[in-house]
Amino acid sequence: MEALRLILLFIHLVGFALLLGGAIAQFLTGKFRINPAVLWGSVIQLLSGLALAAPLRGGGDYEPSPIKLGVKLLLAILIFIMVFIPRKREAVNKGHFIGIIVLTLANAAVAVFWR
């Protein structure tokens, strides 16, 4: 079970890299649109996060708080909605795009700092 958890964690980190990297790359170009990396990153983050929250730990030392998992799920759903709805538009508002980046960083901060 530990190997499965580590594979899911790796996939989750790849999703994070796609989401944040794609968003920052678009932000730096000045073209605020949802690119495929951002879309797929949000999907991967949401699905792999749900899989990681499943009871696959097999009695490990660290069990995350259900409240922490709920907060991360809420943030992931908000990010997914913010990415999925305007995905076909030529451009989105700069504030909307900054919101995606901030929520992505907040989700990572919850994962790292909430113990």
N, C-alpha and C. Protein backbone atom coordinates (compact mmCIF):
# COMPACT_ATOMS: atom_id res chain seq x y z
N MET A 1 0.81 -1.21 0.00
CA MET A 1 0.00 0.00 0.00
C MET A 1 0.85 1.27 0.00
N GLU A 2 2.01 1.19 0.61
CA GLU A 2 2.88 2.36 0.65
C GLU A 2 3.35 2.73 -0.76
N ALA A 3 3.63 1.74 -1.59
CA ALA A 3 4.05 2.01 -2.97
C ALA A 3 2.94 2.71 -3.74
N LEU A 4 1.70 2.28 -3.55
CA LEU A 4 0.57 2.92 -4.21
C LEU A 4 0.42 4.36 -3.75
N ARG A 5 0.57 4.59 -2.44
CA ARG A 5 0.48 5.96 -1.91
C ARG A 5 1.56 6.85 -2.50
N LEU A 6 2.76 6.32 -2.62
CA LEU A 6 3.86 7.11 -3.19
C LEU A 6 3.64 7.41 -4.67
N ILE A 7 3.10 6.47 -5.42
CA ILE A 7 2.78 6.70 -6.83
C ILE A 7 1.71 7.78 -6.95
N LEU A 8 0.67 7.69 -6.11
CA LEU A 8 -0.38 8.72 -6.13
C LEU A 8 0.18 10.09 -5.74
N LEU A 9 1.09 10.12 -4.76
CA LEU A 9 1.71 11.38 -4.36
C LEU A 9 2.53 11.97 -5.50
N PHE A 10 3.26 11.12 -6.22
CA PHE A 10 4.03 11.57 -7.37
C PHE A 10 3.11 12.17 -8.43
N ILE A 11 2.01 11.49 -8.74
CA ILE A 11 1.04 11.99 -9.71
C ILE A 11 0.45 13.32 -9.24
N HIS A 12 0.18 13.41 -7.95
CA HIS A 12 -0.37 14.64 -7.37
C HIS A 12 0.62 15.80 -7.55
N LEU A 13 1.91 15.54 -7.33
CA LEU A 13 2.92 16.58 -7.50
C LEU A 13 3.09 16.98 -8.96
N VAL A 14 2.96 16.04 -9.87
CA VAL A 14 3.00 16.36 -11.30
C VAL A 14 1.82 17.26 -11.66
N GLY A 15 0.64 16.96 -11.13
CA GLY A 15 -0.53 17.81 -11.35
C GLY A 15 -0.31 19.22 -10.81
N PHE A 16 0.31 19.32 -9.63
CA PHE A 16 0.62 20.63 -9.06
C PHE A 16 1.57 21.40 -9.97
N ALA A 17 2.59 20.70 -10.47
CA ALA A 17 3.56 21.36 -11.35
C ALA A 17 2.90 21.85 -12.63
N LEU A 18 2.04 21.04 -13.22
CA LEU A 18 1.32 21.46 -14.42
C LEU A 18 0.44 22.68 -14.13
N LEU A 19 -0.31 22.61 -13.05
CA LEU A 19 -1.24 23.69 -12.71
C LEU A 19 -0.51 24.99 -12.43
N LEU A 20 0.44 24.96 -11.52
CA LEU A 20 1.13 26.19 -11.15
C LEU A 20 2.07 26.66 -12.25
N GLY A 21 2.81 25.74 -12.85
CA GLY A 21 3.73 26.13 -13.93
C GLY A 21 3.00 26.69 -15.13
N GLY A 22 1.92 26.05 -15.52
CA GLY A 22 1.13 26.54 -16.65
C GLY A 22 0.52 27.90 -16.37
N ALA A 23 0.03 28.09 -15.15
CA ALA A 23 -0.59 29.37 -14.79
C ALA A 23 0.46 30.49 -14.74
N ILE A 24 1.59 30.22 -14.15
CA ILE A 24 2.63 31.26 -14.06
C ILE A 24 3.19 31.58 -15.44
N ALA A 25 3.35 30.56 -16.28
CA ALA A 25 3.84 30.81 -17.64
C ALA A 25 2.87 31.72 -18.40
N GLN A 26 1.57 31.44 -18.30
CA GLN A 26 0.58 32.29 -18.96
C GLN A 26 0.59 33.70 -18.37
N PHE A 27 0.72 33.78 -17.05
CA PHE A 27 0.73 35.09 -16.38
C PHE A 27 1.91 35.92 -16.86
N LEU A 28 3.08 35.31 -16.98
CA LEU A 28 4.27 36.06 -17.38
C LEU A 28 4.21 36.51 -18.84
N THR A 29 3.48 35.79 -19.68
CA THR A 29 3.33 36.21 -21.07
C THR A 29 2.34 37.36 -21.21
N GLY A 30 1.51 37.56 -20.19
CA GLY A 30 0.50 38.62 -20.24
C GLY A 30 -0.78 38.19 -20.93
N LYS A 31 -0.86 36.93 -21.34
CA LYS A 31 -2.08 36.40 -21.96
C LYS A 31 -2.78 35.54 -20.92
N PHE A 32 -3.86 36.07 -20.39
CA PHE A 32 -4.56 35.39 -19.31
C PHE A 32 -5.63 34.46 -19.88
N ARG A 33 -5.20 33.25 -20.23
CA ARG A 33 -6.14 32.25 -20.72
C ARG A 33 -5.81 30.91 -20.09
N ILE A 34 -6.80 30.05 -20.07
CA ILE A 34 -6.61 28.72 -19.48
C ILE A 34 -5.98 27.81 -20.54
N ASN A 35 -4.73 27.45 -20.33
CA ASN A 35 -4.06 26.57 -21.29
C ASN A 35 -4.25 25.11 -20.87
N PRO A 36 -3.92 24.16 -21.75
CA PRO A 36 -4.12 22.74 -21.41
C PRO A 36 -3.36 22.29 -20.16
N ALA A 37 -2.19 22.84 -19.90
CA ALA A 37 -1.45 22.45 -18.70
C ALA A 37 -2.22 22.81 -17.44
N VAL A 38 -2.82 23.98 -17.41
CA VAL A 38 -3.59 24.41 -16.25
C VAL A 38 -4.83 23.53 -16.09
N LEU A 39 -5.51 23.27 -17.19
CA LEU A 39 -6.72 22.43 -17.13
C LEU A 39 -6.39 21.02 -16.65
N TRP A 40 -5.41 20.38 -17.28
CA TRP A 40 -5.06 19.02 -16.89
C TRP A 40 -4.45 18.97 -15.50
N GLY A 41 -3.69 19.99 -15.12
CA GLY A 41 -3.14 20.04 -13.77
C GLY A 41 -4.23 20.08 -12.71
N SER A 42 -5.29 20.86 -12.96
CA SER A 42 -6.39 20.93 -11.99
C SER A 42 -7.14 19.61 -11.91
N VAL A 43 -7.32 18.94 -13.04
CA VAL A 43 -8.00 17.64 -13.04
C VAL A 43 -7.16 16.60 -12.29
N ILE A 44 -5.87 16.56 -12.59
CA ILE A 44 -4.98 15.60 -11.94
C ILE A 44 -4.91 15.87 -10.44
N GLN A 45 -4.82 17.12 -10.06
CA GLN A 45 -4.78 17.48 -8.63
C GLN A 45 -6.02 17.00 -7.91
N LEU A 46 -7.18 17.26 -8.48
CA LEU A 46 -8.43 16.89 -7.84
C LEU A 46 -8.56 15.37 -7.72
N LEU A 47 -8.33 14.64 -8.80
CA LEU A 47 -8.52 13.19 -8.79
C LEU A 47 -7.47 12.48 -7.93
N SER A 48 -6.21 12.89 -8.07
CA SER A 48 -5.17 12.22 -7.26
C SER A 48 -5.30 12.61 -5.79
N GLY A 49 -5.77 13.81 -5.51
CA GLY A 49 -6.01 14.21 -4.12
C GLY A 49 -7.11 13.38 -3.48
N LEU A 50 -8.17 13.13 -4.24
CA LEU A 50 -9.24 12.27 -3.73
C LEU A 50 -8.72 10.86 -3.47
N ALA A 51 -7.90 10.35 -4.38
CA ALA A 51 -7.33 9.01 -4.20
C ALA A 51 -6.39 8.97 -3.00
N LEU A 52 -5.62 10.02 -2.79
CA LEU A 52 -4.72 10.06 -1.64
C LEU A 52 -5.47 10.14 -0.32
N ALA A 53 -6.65 10.73 -0.33
CA ALA A 53 -7.43 10.86 0.90
C ALA A 53 -8.09 9.55 1.29
N ALA A 54 -8.14 8.59 0.36
CA ALA A 54 -8.72 7.28 0.66
C ALA A 54 -7.87 6.58 1.71
N PRO A 55 -8.46 5.73 2.47
CA PRO A 55 -7.70 5.05 3.54
C PRO A 55 -6.76 3.98 3.00
N LEU A 56 -5.65 4.42 2.38
CA LEU A 56 -4.66 3.50 1.82
C LEU A 56 -3.39 3.42 2.66
N ARG A 57 -3.38 4.07 3.78
CA ARG A 57 -2.14 4.22 4.52
C ARG A 57 -1.69 2.93 5.21
N GLY A 58 -2.58 2.03 5.48
CA GLY A 58 -2.18 0.76 6.08
C GLY A 58 -1.57 0.91 7.46
N GLY A 59 -2.12 1.80 8.28
CA GLY A 59 -1.62 1.95 9.64
C GLY A 59 -0.33 2.73 9.74
N GLY A 60 -0.09 3.65 8.83
CA GLY A 60 1.12 4.47 8.86
C GLY A 60 1.15 5.37 10.08
N ASP A 61 2.29 6.02 10.27
CA ASP A 61 2.47 6.88 11.43
C ASP A 61 1.67 8.16 11.36
N TYR A 62 1.44 8.66 10.16
CA TYR A 62 0.80 9.97 10.01
C TYR A 62 -0.56 9.83 9.34
N GLU A 63 -1.58 10.23 10.05
CA GLU A 63 -2.94 10.28 9.50
C GLU A 63 -3.34 11.74 9.42
N PRO A 64 -3.61 12.27 8.22
CA PRO A 64 -4.00 13.68 8.12
C PRO A 64 -5.36 13.94 8.75
N SER A 65 -5.51 15.13 9.25
CA SER A 65 -6.75 15.56 9.87
C SER A 65 -7.88 15.58 8.85
N PRO A 66 -9.07 15.10 9.22
CA PRO A 66 -10.21 15.19 8.30
C PRO A 66 -10.55 16.63 7.94
N ILE A 67 -10.30 17.56 8.85
CA ILE A 67 -10.56 18.97 8.56
C ILE A 67 -9.58 19.47 7.51
N LYS A 68 -8.32 19.08 7.65
CA LYS A 68 -7.30 19.45 6.65
C LYS A 68 -7.68 18.91 5.28
N LEU A 69 -8.10 17.65 5.23
CA LEU A 69 -8.51 17.06 3.96
C LEU A 69 -9.72 17.80 3.38
N GLY A 70 -10.64 18.20 4.24
CA GLY A 70 -11.81 18.96 3.78
C GLY A 70 -11.44 20.31 3.20
N VAL A 71 -10.50 21.00 3.86
CA VAL A 71 -10.04 22.30 3.37
C VAL A 71 -9.34 22.13 2.03
N LYS A 72 -8.48 21.12 1.92
CA LYS A 72 -7.78 20.88 0.65
C LYS A 72 -8.77 20.51 -0.46
N LEU A 73 -9.78 19.72 -0.13
CA LEU A 73 -10.80 19.36 -1.12
C LEU A 73 -11.56 20.60 -1.58
N LEU A 74 -11.94 21.45 -0.64
CA LEU A 74 -12.65 22.69 -0.99
C LEU A 74 -11.80 23.56 -1.92
N LEU A 75 -10.53 23.74 -1.59
CA LEU A 75 -9.64 24.53 -2.43
C LEU A 75 -9.48 23.91 -3.81
N ALA A 76 -9.33 22.59 -3.87
CA ALA A 76 -9.16 21.90 -5.16
C ALA A 76 -10.41 22.04 -6.02
N ILE A 77 -11.58 21.95 -5.41
CA ILE A 77 -12.83 22.11 -6.15
C ILE A 77 -12.96 23.54 -6.67
N LEU A 78 -12.63 24.53 -5.82
CA LEU A 78 -12.69 25.93 -6.26
C LEU A 78 -11.74 26.17 -7.43
N ILE A 79 -10.54 25.64 -7.35
CA ILE A 79 -9.57 25.80 -8.44
C ILE A 79 -10.11 25.14 -9.71
N PHE A 80 -10.63 23.93 -9.58
CA PHE A 80 -11.16 23.22 -10.74
C PHE A 80 -12.29 24.01 -11.40
N ILE A 81 -13.18 24.55 -10.60
CA ILE A 81 -14.30 25.35 -11.15
C ILE A 81 -13.76 26.59 -11.85
N MET A 82 -12.79 27.26 -11.22
CA MET A 82 -12.22 28.48 -11.81
C MET A 82 -11.47 28.20 -13.11
N VAL A 83 -11.00 26.98 -13.28
CA VAL A 83 -10.28 26.60 -14.49
C VAL A 83 -11.23 26.04 -15.54
N PHE A 84 -12.17 25.19 -15.11
CA PHE A 84 -13.00 24.46 -16.06
C PHE A 84 -14.04 25.34 -16.76
N ILE A 85 -14.69 26.21 -16.03
CA ILE A 85 -15.77 27.02 -16.63
C ILE A 85 -15.26 27.93 -17.75
N PRO A 86 -14.18 28.70 -17.54
CA PRO A 86 -13.73 29.59 -18.63
C PRO A 86 -12.69 28.98 -19.57
N ARG A 87 -12.56 27.66 -19.60
CA ARG A 87 -11.49 27.01 -20.36
C ARG A 87 -11.51 27.30 -21.85
N LYS A 88 -12.67 27.60 -22.42
CA LYS A 88 -12.75 27.82 -23.88
C LYS A 88 -12.72 29.30 -24.26
N ARG A 89 -12.65 30.17 -23.29
CA ARG A 89 -12.56 31.60 -23.59
C ARG A 89 -11.18 31.95 -24.10
N GLU A 90 -11.13 32.97 -24.92
CA GLU A 90 -9.84 33.45 -25.43
C GLU A 90 -9.01 34.09 -24.32
N ALA A 91 -9.68 34.72 -23.36
CA ALA A 91 -8.96 35.36 -22.26
C ALA A 91 -9.87 35.41 -21.04
N VAL A 92 -9.24 35.41 -19.87
CA VAL A 92 -9.97 35.60 -18.62
C VAL A 92 -9.43 36.86 -17.94
N ASN A 93 -10.15 37.33 -16.98
CA ASN A 93 -9.77 38.52 -16.23
C ASN A 93 -8.45 38.25 -15.48
N LYS A 94 -7.63 39.27 -15.38
CA LYS A 94 -6.35 39.14 -14.68
C LYS A 94 -6.56 38.72 -13.23
N GLY A 95 -7.55 39.30 -12.57
CA GLY A 95 -7.84 38.94 -11.18
C GLY A 95 -8.26 37.49 -11.03
N HIS A 96 -9.02 37.00 -11.99
CA HIS A 96 -9.43 35.60 -11.98
C HIS A 96 -8.20 34.70 -12.08
N PHE A 97 -7.29 35.06 -12.94
CA PHE A 97 -6.08 34.28 -13.14
C PHE A 97 -5.18 34.31 -11.89
N ILE A 98 -5.07 35.48 -11.29
CA ILE A 98 -4.29 35.59 -10.05
C ILE A 98 -4.95 34.76 -8.96
N GLY A 99 -6.28 34.72 -8.95
CA GLY A 99 -7.00 33.90 -7.97
C GLY A 99 -6.66 32.42 -8.11
N ILE A 100 -6.54 31.94 -9.34
CA ILE A 100 -6.15 30.54 -9.56
C ILE A 100 -4.77 30.28 -8.98
N ILE A 101 -3.84 31.18 -9.22
CA ILE A 101 -2.47 31.02 -8.72
C ILE A 101 -2.45 31.07 -7.19
N VAL A 102 -3.15 32.02 -6.60
CA VAL A 102 -3.17 32.16 -5.14
C VAL A 102 -3.81 30.94 -4.48
N LEU A 103 -4.93 30.46 -5.02
CA LEU A 103 -5.57 29.28 -4.44
C LEU A 103 -4.69 28.04 -4.58
N THR A 104 -3.97 27.93 -5.68
CA THR A 104 -3.05 26.80 -5.86
C THR A 104 -1.94 26.85 -4.82
N LEU A 105 -1.38 28.03 -4.60
CA LEU A 105 -0.33 28.17 -3.58
C LEU A 105 -0.89 27.96 -2.18
N ALA A 106 -2.12 28.40 -1.93
CA ALA A 106 -2.75 28.18 -0.63
C ALA A 106 -2.97 26.69 -0.39
N ASN A 107 -3.37 25.97 -1.42
CA ASN A 107 -3.56 24.53 -1.28
C ASN A 107 -2.25 23.83 -0.94
N ALA A 108 -1.17 24.25 -1.58
CA ALA A 108 0.14 23.68 -1.27
C ALA A 108 0.57 24.05 0.15
N ALA A 109 0.28 25.28 0.57
CA ALA A 109 0.63 25.71 1.93
C ALA A 109 -0.11 24.89 2.98
N VAL A 110 -1.38 24.61 2.74
CA VAL A 110 -2.15 23.77 3.67
C VAL A 110 -1.50 22.39 3.76
N ALA A 111 -1.10 21.84 2.62
CA ALA A 111 -0.49 20.51 2.62
C ALA A 111 0.82 20.49 3.41
N VAL A 112 1.61 21.54 3.28
CA VAL A 112 2.94 21.56 3.91
C VAL A 112 2.90 21.98 5.37
N PHE A 113 2.16 23.02 5.68
CA PHE A 113 2.25 23.61 7.01
C PHE A 113 1.21 23.12 8.01
N TRP A 114 0.12 22.54 7.57
CA TRP A 114 -0.92 22.08 8.50
C TRP A 114 -0.54 20.68 8.97
N ARG A 115 -0.17 20.56 10.22
CA ARG A 115 0.20 19.26 10.80
C ARG A 115 -0.74 18.90 11.90
